[in-house]
Amino acid sequence: MDTRARGCYDTRRGGLVQRMSFSKADKTTRGIKIGIAVLLVLIAGFIAAYGFRGCGAIKSAGKISSHGMARVPAATIPGGCGPFAVCELNELKAREVRTSEFFIDENPVTNREYGACVDQGACRDNRAGDCAVPDALGRPWPVSAGDAPAELFDDERPAVCVSWSMARDFCKESGKRLPGDAEWMAAAGAGKGFVFPGARLPQPGHEKWPAVAAGRFRLNGIANAGQPVCCGPDAGDGWALTSPAGRFPESDAETGLRDMAGNVWEWTADCAAPARDGKCAARVIKGGSWATSLYELRIRNKAGRDPALRSAEIGFRCALDALE
């Protein structure tokens, strides 16, 4: 474990705190011993006052970390389209992938959490600059983030209008990272044969599966998404825009993850389209959004977006390597 001081977000208070480390005292020097004792007293007082918890500490028992993260076991994700009859070419060509155990945020990062990072000067403000907001037909229109609907920036809604680098930087400041495409799929249940994230969404064999396959199934009460087939937002689920993180109870009981289907697309670490100069021209986003159809919510579905894009449809969640 890296003992250098690094930023860490206390999810109970949303503040940026620092991990502290110090060298072993020279037991032969009484003055140093007294100094260390005083320091320990100060640290204990800080812990009592602010509820500090170690940046990388994960509870060894249970699947949920002390920082609102869920444990995702190692998984094998089959190649090809999976059980859904229709898929994209990139899915058809996909090969089997294996993922190692890791941890992932239970919910997408909220405006409250992201705002704490902005207030500390460690993250760029998602309320300033341009942001693409979908119209009634789902077409993105660039506007100033300040002119975007104010509800998008409610504290408990997912942080949107963040570019890929803004998401990456937040995770880094939290001592975490963005999940990979395969990791995101493992967390959503691809290794269990799921078509859609979350146990409550119809899977093959479910009585409502024929309606799903025919494009007639509506997600009311299950996920915040757009029109069932095409195109644009659908307020029939109670939310014309984003909804507060975790509002829809489609959680996978084994991991406790929420909003993996709909609400906001989520940035991943993977590159969707390498550029000629060696940089990445598009980054993979997963999960669909409040303005996309049911088809877009499939676990294996992925889209590529310019890393510089800031959209009212795209948010993120962070991941963390499992401790040895």
Foldseek 3Di string as FASTA:
>chain_A
DDQDWFWAAQQVVLATDIRDDDDDFDVVDVVSVVVVVVVVVVVVVVCVVPVDDDLFAADPPDQAGNRQKGKQAKFKFAAADFPAPDDDPVRRPGHIDIDHIWIWHQWFAFLSNLVNCVVVVQADDLQADWAWEADQQGDTDIDGSVPPPPVLNPGQFFDFQAFLVRQQSSQVRNVFGFAALVVLLSQQPSRVRAFFRFPPPDGPPDPCVVCLSVLNDDCALAEQAARQAGWFADCNNVDRAADGIQPRPRHHVNTSHTLLAARAWAWGPAAPAADPVRHGQWTKTAHHYNTHHPNRRTSSHIDTDGSNHTYSRYTHITMGGDDD
